[in-house]
Protein backbone atom coordinates (compact mmCIF):
# COMPACT_ATOMS: atom_id res chain seq x y z
CA UNK A 1 0.01 0.01 0.01
CA UNK A 2 2.87 2.39 0.78
CA UNK A 3 4.34 1.73 -2.64
CA UNK A 4 1.05 2.70 -4.29
CA UNK A 5 0.73 5.85 -2.21
CA UNK A 6 4.35 6.89 -3.03
CA UNK A 7 4.11 6.13 -6.75
CA UNK A 8 4.21 8.90 -9.44
CA UNK A 9 0.88 7.80 -10.89
CA UNK A 10 -0.86 8.38 -7.59
CA UNK A 11 0.88 11.76 -7.13
CA UNK A 12 -0.15 12.90 -10.57
CA UNK A 13 -3.69 11.76 -9.93
CA UNK A 14 -3.87 13.80 -6.73
CA UNK A 15 -2.45 16.88 -8.47
CA UNK A 16 -5.02 16.62 -11.28
CA UNK A 17 -7.77 16.26 -8.70
CA UNK A 18 -6.62 19.40 -6.85
CA UNK A 19 -6.38 21.42 -10.07
CA UNK A 20 -9.99 20.47 -10.99
CA UNK A 21 -11.22 21.53 -7.62
CA UNK A 22 -9.33 24.85 -7.85
CA UNK A 23 -10.69 25.50 -11.36
CA UNK A 24 -14.27 24.94 -10.13
CA UNK A 25 -13.74 27.42 -7.36
CA UNK A 26 -12.25 30.01 -9.68
CA UNK A 27 -15.12 29.55 -12.11
CA UNK A 28 -17.85 30.02 -9.54
CA UNK A 29 -15.96 32.58 -7.56
CA UNK A 30 -14.60 32.50 -4.04
CA UNK A 31 -17.88 32.15 -2.29
CA UNK A 32 -16.36 30.33 0.73
CA UNK A 33 -13.55 31.13 2.94
CA UNK A 34 -10.10 29.69 2.49
CA UNK A 35 -10.45 27.41 5.57
CA UNK A 36 -13.57 25.78 4.16
CA UNK A 37 -11.78 25.26 0.89
CA UNK A 38 -8.88 23.51 2.54
CA UNK A 39 -11.22 21.38 4.66
CA UNK A 40 -13.07 20.21 1.57
CA UNK A 41 -9.85 19.37 -0.23
CA UNK A 42 -8.60 17.37 2.81
CA UNK A 43 -11.86 15.39 3.06
CA UNK A 44 -11.71 14.48 -0.59
CA UNK A 45 -8.05 13.37 -0.31
CA UNK A 46 -8.79 11.30 2.82
CA UNK A 47 -11.72 9.52 1.13
CA UNK A 48 -9.62 8.79 -1.92
CA UNK A 49 -6.72 7.43 0.19
CA UNK A 50 -9.09 5.21 2.19
CA UNK A 51 -10.70 3.66 -0.85
CA UNK A 52 -7.28 3.05 -2.42
CA UNK A 53 -5.99 1.39 0.76
CA UNK A 54 -9.02 -0.94 0.93
CA UNK A 55 -8.62 -2.06 -2.67
CA UNK A 56 -4.89 -2.70 -2.15
CA UNK A 57 -5.51 -4.68 1.06
CA UNK A 58 -8.15 -6.82 -0.63
CA UNK A 59 -5.82 -7.59 -3.49
CA UNK A 60 -2.99 -8.54 -1.10
CA UNK A 61 -5.19 -10.93 0.92
CA UNK A 62 -6.29 -12.69 -2.30
CA UNK A 63 -2.66 -13.23 -3.24
CA UNK A 64 -1.83 -14.67 0.23
CA UNK A 65 -4.34 -17.53 -0.40
CA UNK A 66 -1.84 -19.17 -2.77
CA UNK A 67 -1.28 -19.45 -6.50
CA UNK A 68 -4.51 -21.41 -6.96
CA UNK A 69 -7.95 -20.53 -5.68
CA UNK A 70 -10.68 -23.18 -5.91
CA UNK A 71 -14.34 -22.27 -5.47
CA UNK A 72 -16.51 -24.94 -3.81
CA UNK A 73 -19.78 -23.28 -4.82
CA UNK A 74 -21.20 -24.79 -7.97
CA UNK A 75 -24.43 -24.07 -9.74
CA UNK A 76 -25.38 -27.59 -10.65
CA UNK A 77 -23.94 -29.43 -7.63
CA UNK A 78 -21.04 -30.83 -9.65
CA UNK A 79 -17.33 -30.85 -8.92
CA UNK A 80 -14.98 -27.97 -8.05
CA UNK A 81 -14.16 -25.23 -10.57
CA UNK A 82 -11.28 -22.81 -10.85
CA UNK A 83 -11.87 -19.13 -10.14
CA UNK A 84 -9.97 -17.32 -12.94
CA UNK A 85 -10.42 -13.85 -11.47
CA UNK A 86 -9.08 -14.87 -8.08
CA UNK A 87 -6.10 -17.04 -9.02
CA UNK A 88 -5.60 -17.02 -12.76
CA UNK A 89 -3.13 -14.15 -12.93
CA UNK A 90 -1.06 -15.43 -10.01
CA UNK A 91 -0.93 -18.89 -11.57
CA UNK A 92 0.42 -17.47 -14.78
CA UNK A 93 2.98 -15.35 -13.01
CA UNK A 94 4.14 -17.83 -10.32
CA UNK A 95 4.33 -21.35 -11.77
CA UNK A 96 7.18 -22.26 -9.37
CA UNK A 97 4.91 -21.62 -6.37
CA UNK A 98 2.40 -24.09 -7.80
CA UNK A 99 5.06 -26.73 -8.20
CA UNK A 100 6.44 -26.13 -4.73
CA UNK A 101 2.94 -26.46 -3.23
CA UNK A 102 2.45 -29.82 -4.90
CA UNK A 103 5.83 -31.06 -3.77
CA UNK A 104 4.98 -29.90 -0.21
CA UNK A 105 1.77 -31.98 -0.26
CA UNK A 106 3.66 -35.01 -1.49
CA UNK A 107 6.16 -34.65 1.33
CA UNK A 108 3.38 -34.39 3.92
CA UNK A 109 1.82 -37.59 2.54
CA UNK A 110 5.15 -39.36 2.77
CA UNK A 111 5.72 -38.19 6.39
CA UNK A 112 2.26 -39.05 7.55
CA UNK A 113 1.09 -42.21 5.70
CA UNK A 114 -0.93 -43.38 8.69
CA UNK A 115 -3.22 -40.37 8.65
CA UNK A 116 -3.83 -40.90 4.94
CA UNK A 117 -4.67 -44.54 5.53
CA UNK A 118 -7.01 -43.59 8.34
CA UNK A 119 -8.97 -41.34 6.01
CA UNK A 120 -9.36 -44.18 3.54
CA UNK A 121 -10.36 -46.89 6.07
CA UNK A 122 -13.64 -48.71 5.77
CA UNK A 123 -16.23 -46.97 7.96
CA UNK A 124 -17.87 -50.33 8.81
CA UNK A 125 -14.68 -51.72 10.33
CA UNK A 126 -14.82 -52.31 14.14
CA UNK A 127 -12.48 -50.08 16.12
CA UNK A 128 -9.93 -51.96 18.27
CA UNK A 129 -10.91 -50.08 21.38
CA UNK A 130 -14.56 -50.98 20.88
CA UNK A 131 -13.57 -54.61 20.38
CA UNK A 132 -11.60 -54.62 23.63
CA UNK A 133 -14.57 -53.12 25.47
CA UNK A 134 -16.84 -55.82 24.08
CA UNK A 135 -14.43 -58.56 25.18
CA UNK A 136 -14.13 -57.02 28.66
CA UNK A 137 -17.94 -56.93 29.02
CA UNK A 138 -18.13 -60.54 27.86
CA UNK A 139 -15.50 -61.56 30.43
CA UNK A 140 -17.42 -59.75 33.16
CA UNK A 141 -20.62 -61.57 32.11
CA UNK A 142 -18.93 -64.95 32.26
CA UNK A 143 -17.42 -64.12 35.67
CA UNK A 144 -20.88 -63.22 36.95
CA UNK A 145 -22.28 -66.56 35.72
CA UNK A 146 -19.51 -68.46 37.49
CA UNK A 147 -20.06 -66.54 40.74
CA UNK A 148 -23.80 -67.12 40.51
CA UNK A 149 -23.30 -70.85 40.05
CA UNK A 150 -20.94 -70.92 43.01
CA UNK A 151 -23.44 -69.10 45.23
CA UNK A 152 -26.13 -71.55 44.22
CA UNK A 153 -23.88 -74.41 45.31
CA UNK A 154 -23.26 -72.67 48.63
CA UNK A 155 -27.01 -72.54 49.24
CA UNK A 156 -27.14 -76.33 49.63
CA UNK A 157 -28.16 -77.07 53.19
CA UNK A 158 -25.28 -78.41 55.21
CA UNK A 159 -25.56 -79.74 58.73
CA UNK A 160 -22.92 -77.41 60.19
CA UNK A 161 -19.63 -75.76 59.37
CA UNK A 162 -16.99 -78.46 59.55
CA UNK A 163 -13.70 -77.58 61.24
CA UNK A 164 -12.47 -81.17 61.28
CA UNK A 165 -11.07 -82.33 57.91
CA UNK A 166 -12.40 -85.49 56.35
CA UNK A 167 -9.97 -88.41 56.32
CA UNK A 168 -10.82 -91.44 54.19
CA UNK A 169 -8.99 -94.77 53.88
CA UNK A 170 -10.32 -96.49 50.77
CA UNK A 171 -11.12 -100.18 50.44
CA UNK A 172 -7.94 -101.24 48.49
CA UNK A 173 -5.90 -100.42 51.66
CA UNK A 174 -7.34 -103.43 53.54
CA UNK A 175 -9.09 -105.47 50.82
CA UNK A 176 -7.09 -108.68 50.21
CA UNK A 177 -9.49 -110.42 47.80
CA UNK A 178 -8.37 -110.82 44.21
CA UNK A 179 -11.72 -109.66 42.85
CA UNK A 180 -13.52 -106.38 43.38
CA UNK A 181 -16.56 -106.19 45.68
CA UNK A 182 -19.62 -107.51 43.86
CA UNK A 183 -22.99 -106.72 45.37
CA UNK A 184 -26.17 -104.74 44.61
CA UNK A 185 -25.60 -101.23 43.45
CA UNK A 186 -26.87 -98.21 45.38
CA UNK A 187 -28.89 -95.42 43.77
CA UNK A 188 -26.99 -92.47 45.18
CA UNK A 189 -29.66 -89.97 44.07
CA UNK A 190 -32.20 -91.74 46.30
CA UNK A 191 -30.12 -91.82 49.52
CA UNK A 192 -32.00 -89.78 52.17
CA UNK A 193 -31.09 -91.59 55.42
CA UNK A 194 -27.90 -92.31 57.40
CA UNK A 195 -28.21 -95.05 60.02
CA UNK A 196 -25.56 -94.88 62.76
CA UNK A 197 -24.83 -97.85 65.02
CA UNK A 198 -21.94 -99.19 67.06
CA UNK A 199 -20.05 -102.45 66.42
CA UNK A 200 -20.32 -103.69 70.08
CA UNK A 201 -16.63 -104.58 69.96
CA UNK A 202 -13.43 -103.08 71.25
CA UNK A 203 -12.23 -99.79 69.89
CA UNK A 204 -9.26 -99.12 67.62
CA UNK A 205 -7.04 -96.04 67.82
CA UNK A 206 -4.57 -96.55 65.01
CA UNK A 207 -4.79 -97.15 61.30
CA UNK A 208 -3.09 -100.54 61.38
CA UNK A 209 -5.34 -101.72 64.20
CA UNK A 210 -8.48 -100.42 62.48
CA UNK A 211 -7.52 -102.06 59.17
CA UNK A 212 -7.07 -105.36 60.96
CA UNK A 213 -10.55 -104.92 62.45
CA UNK A 214 -12.04 -104.46 58.98
CA UNK A 215 -10.38 -107.65 57.71
CA UNK A 216 -11.66 -109.59 60.70
CA UNK A 217 -15.19 -108.27 60.20
CA UNK A 218 -15.02 -109.23 56.52
CA UNK A 219 -13.91 -112.79 57.40
CA UNK A 220 -16.61 -113.17 60.06
CA UNK A 221 -19.40 -111.94 57.76
CA UNK A 222 -18.27 -114.19 54.95
CA UNK A 223 -18.08 -117.21 57.31
CA UNK A 224 -21.51 -116.64 58.95
CA UNK A 225 -23.62 -115.17 56.11
CA UNK A 226 -21.56 -115.91 52.99
CA UNK A 227 -21.54 -112.16 52.25
CA UNK A 228 -19.12 -109.27 52.40
CA UNK A 229 -18.76 -106.75 55.26
CA UNK A 230 -22.21 -105.23 55.79
CA UNK A 231 -21.26 -101.62 56.63
CA UNK A 232 -20.93 -98.83 54.11
CA UNK A 233 -18.34 -97.01 56.27
CA UNK A 234 -16.68 -97.47 59.66
CA UNK A 235 -15.23 -94.68 61.83
CA UNK A 236 -12.36 -95.56 64.16
CA UNK A 237 -11.27 -94.04 67.43
CA UNK A 238 -8.46 -92.29 65.54
CA UNK A 239 -10.96 -90.02 63.75
CA UNK A 240 -10.56 -91.70 60.32
CA UNK A 241 -13.30 -93.00 58.09
CA UNK A 242 -12.68 -96.45 56.53
CA UNK A 243 -14.47 -97.43 53.39
CA UNK A 244 -16.31 -100.78 53.50
CA UNK A 245 -18.97 -101.03 50.79
CA UNK A 246 -18.73 -97.31 50.17
CA UNK A 247 -21.15 -94.96 48.40
CA UNK A 248 -21.73 -97.24 45.39
CA UNK A 249 -23.17 -100.41 46.99
CA UNK A 250 -26.08 -101.25 49.28
CA UNK A 251 -25.47 -102.20 52.89
CA UNK A 252 -25.65 -105.87 53.92
CA UNK A 253 -27.97 -105.77 56.99
CA UNK A 254 -31.05 -107.82 56.25
CA UNK A 255 -33.06 -106.47 59.19
CA UNK A 256 -32.50 -102.79 58.43
CA UNK A 257 -35.00 -101.01 56.12
CA UNK A 258 -34.27 -98.97 53.05
CA UNK A 259 -31.34 -100.80 51.55
CA UNK A 260 -31.48 -98.65 48.42
CA UNK A 261 -32.03 -95.31 50.16
CA UNK A 262 -29.76 -95.37 53.23
CA UNK A 263 -26.12 -95.51 54.25
CA UNK A 264 -25.03 -97.47 57.32
CA UNK A 265 -22.10 -96.02 59.31
CA UNK A 266 -20.60 -98.11 62.15
CA UNK A 267 -18.76 -96.41 65.06
CA UNK A 268 -16.01 -98.88 66.03
CA UNK A 269 -16.46 -99.67 69.77
CA UNK A 270 -19.12 -100.36 72.38
CA UNK A 271 -20.94 -97.18 73.40
CA UNK A 272 -23.61 -98.38 75.75
CA UNK A 273 -21.74 -97.07 78.80
CA UNK A 274 -19.24 -94.58 77.38
CA UNK A 275 -19.21 -91.91 74.73
CA UNK A 276 -17.31 -92.08 71.42
CA UNK A 277 -14.27 -89.89 71.25
CA UNK A 278 -14.64 -86.27 70.14
CA UNK A 279 -12.66 -87.13 67.02
CA UNK A 280 -15.25 -89.76 66.06
CA UNK A 281 -18.10 -87.32 66.39
CA UNK A 282 -16.19 -84.69 64.38
CA UNK A 283 -15.36 -87.29 61.74
CA UNK A 284 -19.02 -88.28 61.48
CA UNK A 285 -19.94 -84.64 60.80
CA UNK A 286 -17.21 -84.42 58.16
CA UNK A 287 -18.47 -87.62 56.58
CA UNK A 288 -22.00 -86.28 56.28
CA UNK A 289 -20.81 -83.05 54.67
CA UNK A 290 -18.53 -84.92 52.32
CA UNK A 291 -21.39 -87.23 51.26
CA UNK A 292 -23.49 -84.19 50.40
CA UNK A 293 -20.60 -82.63 48.47
CA UNK A 294 -20.21 -85.82 46.42
CA UNK A 295 -23.96 -85.80 45.68
CA UNK A 296 -24.20 -89.20 47.39
CA UNK A 297 -26.59 -87.95 50.10
CA UNK A 298 -29.57 -85.64 49.99
CA UNK A 299 -29.10 -82.29 51.78
CA UNK A 300 -32.44 -82.99 53.49
CA UNK A 301 -31.34 -86.36 54.92
CA UNK A 302 -32.45 -87.91 58.18
CA UNK A 303 -30.00 -89.21 60.80
CA UNK A 304 -31.30 -92.34 62.56
CA UNK A 305 -30.32 -94.97 65.10
CA UNK A 306 -31.60 -98.50 65.85
CA UNK A 307 -33.44 -99.99 68.77
CA UNK A 308 -32.59 -103.67 68.79
CA UNK A 309 -35.14 -105.71 70.69
CA UNK A 310 -32.70 -108.56 71.24
CA UNK A 311 -30.26 -106.28 73.11
CA UNK A 312 -30.58 -104.52 76.42
CA UNK A 313 -32.38 -101.25 76.69
CA UNK A 314 -29.02 -99.55 77.30
CA UNK A 315 -27.74 -100.55 73.88
CA UNK A 316 -25.89 -97.53 72.34
CA UNK A 317 -27.78 -95.10 74.56
CA UNK A 318 -24.67 -93.03 75.17
CA UNK A 319 -24.04 -92.80 71.42
CA UNK A 320 -27.58 -91.70 70.60
CA UNK A 321 -27.79 -89.29 73.51
CA UNK A 322 -25.35 -87.04 71.66
CA UNK A 323 -26.80 -87.63 68.17
CA UNK A 324 -30.31 -86.63 69.32
CA UNK A 325 -29.08 -83.06 69.61
CA UNK A 326 -28.03 -82.86 66.00
CA UNK A 327 -30.29 -80.95 63.57
CA UNK A 328 -31.10 -83.83 61.19
CA UNK A 329 -31.97 -86.36 63.86
CA UNK A 330 -34.92 -88.52 62.75
CA UNK A 331 -35.37 -90.97 65.66
CA UNK A 332 -34.71 -94.66 66.20
CA UNK A 333 -35.58 -97.54 63.90
CA UNK A 334 -36.92 -100.69 65.59
CA UNK A 335 -35.35 -103.94 64.43
């Protein structure tokens, strides 16, 4: 703008404008004072300078946009078209700027290929972050299902919290027969009773001694009744459960009811005058809980004893005196 204002063309234009104004005044006579004349001349010059400055500034801003000017407004909604008035002259005068602009765009594409690829990605493609969120939600759902199943298992009625661990000695530890036990199978889903009785023998307080007792009971039962040991399980004074017929086979007592719906547990010893050891009681509780856990006993089972008419009225009274206080006690069974 300063170059335009200082040019000879502009100076000559101002001089001719002043001469025209002075001629008009001389023609019509000096009707105004000299101060009004100067004020009018100054206003005209200021208006002319302002309009010239605006036109120069507008032309400069158009040149700053670059050698090419593209107009996005189309009449028929078609593609872009080149504005000749805005950028044609500059394009003709500055071809090097056009080439440098193209090379600059090529360099930007080479430096940032990832951004170019992102612009050309398929819009239907799943974003990795969204995929991770979906997997996380699926994992939380599966965890909730597992926790719910675990809580359902915990809702199974158990007789009491067991602090004494369950110890089991399986049948192969004392079984000396060459063939496996062969007897009637037990429907474990139908087992709803546990019959507890004592063996009316001496007690055993060690594993070796208790295993010898099981072998002797097996031999006696086979000699008298031509059958295997009649108990399902035996609990020794050492607080260990010994497997006889186990959870798979029916007990061998002919005078006891419910052979297909009951387990018979023998407490090794005579408990008509004395109590079983605390370890035997604790092991009996652990056995009941373990049977429920193995789905070999109903959670709503009944705990029963026997009243043998051929024995004295004091038979196993000490044993049953304690069992009668347990929550699943169901009374005595007369035999």
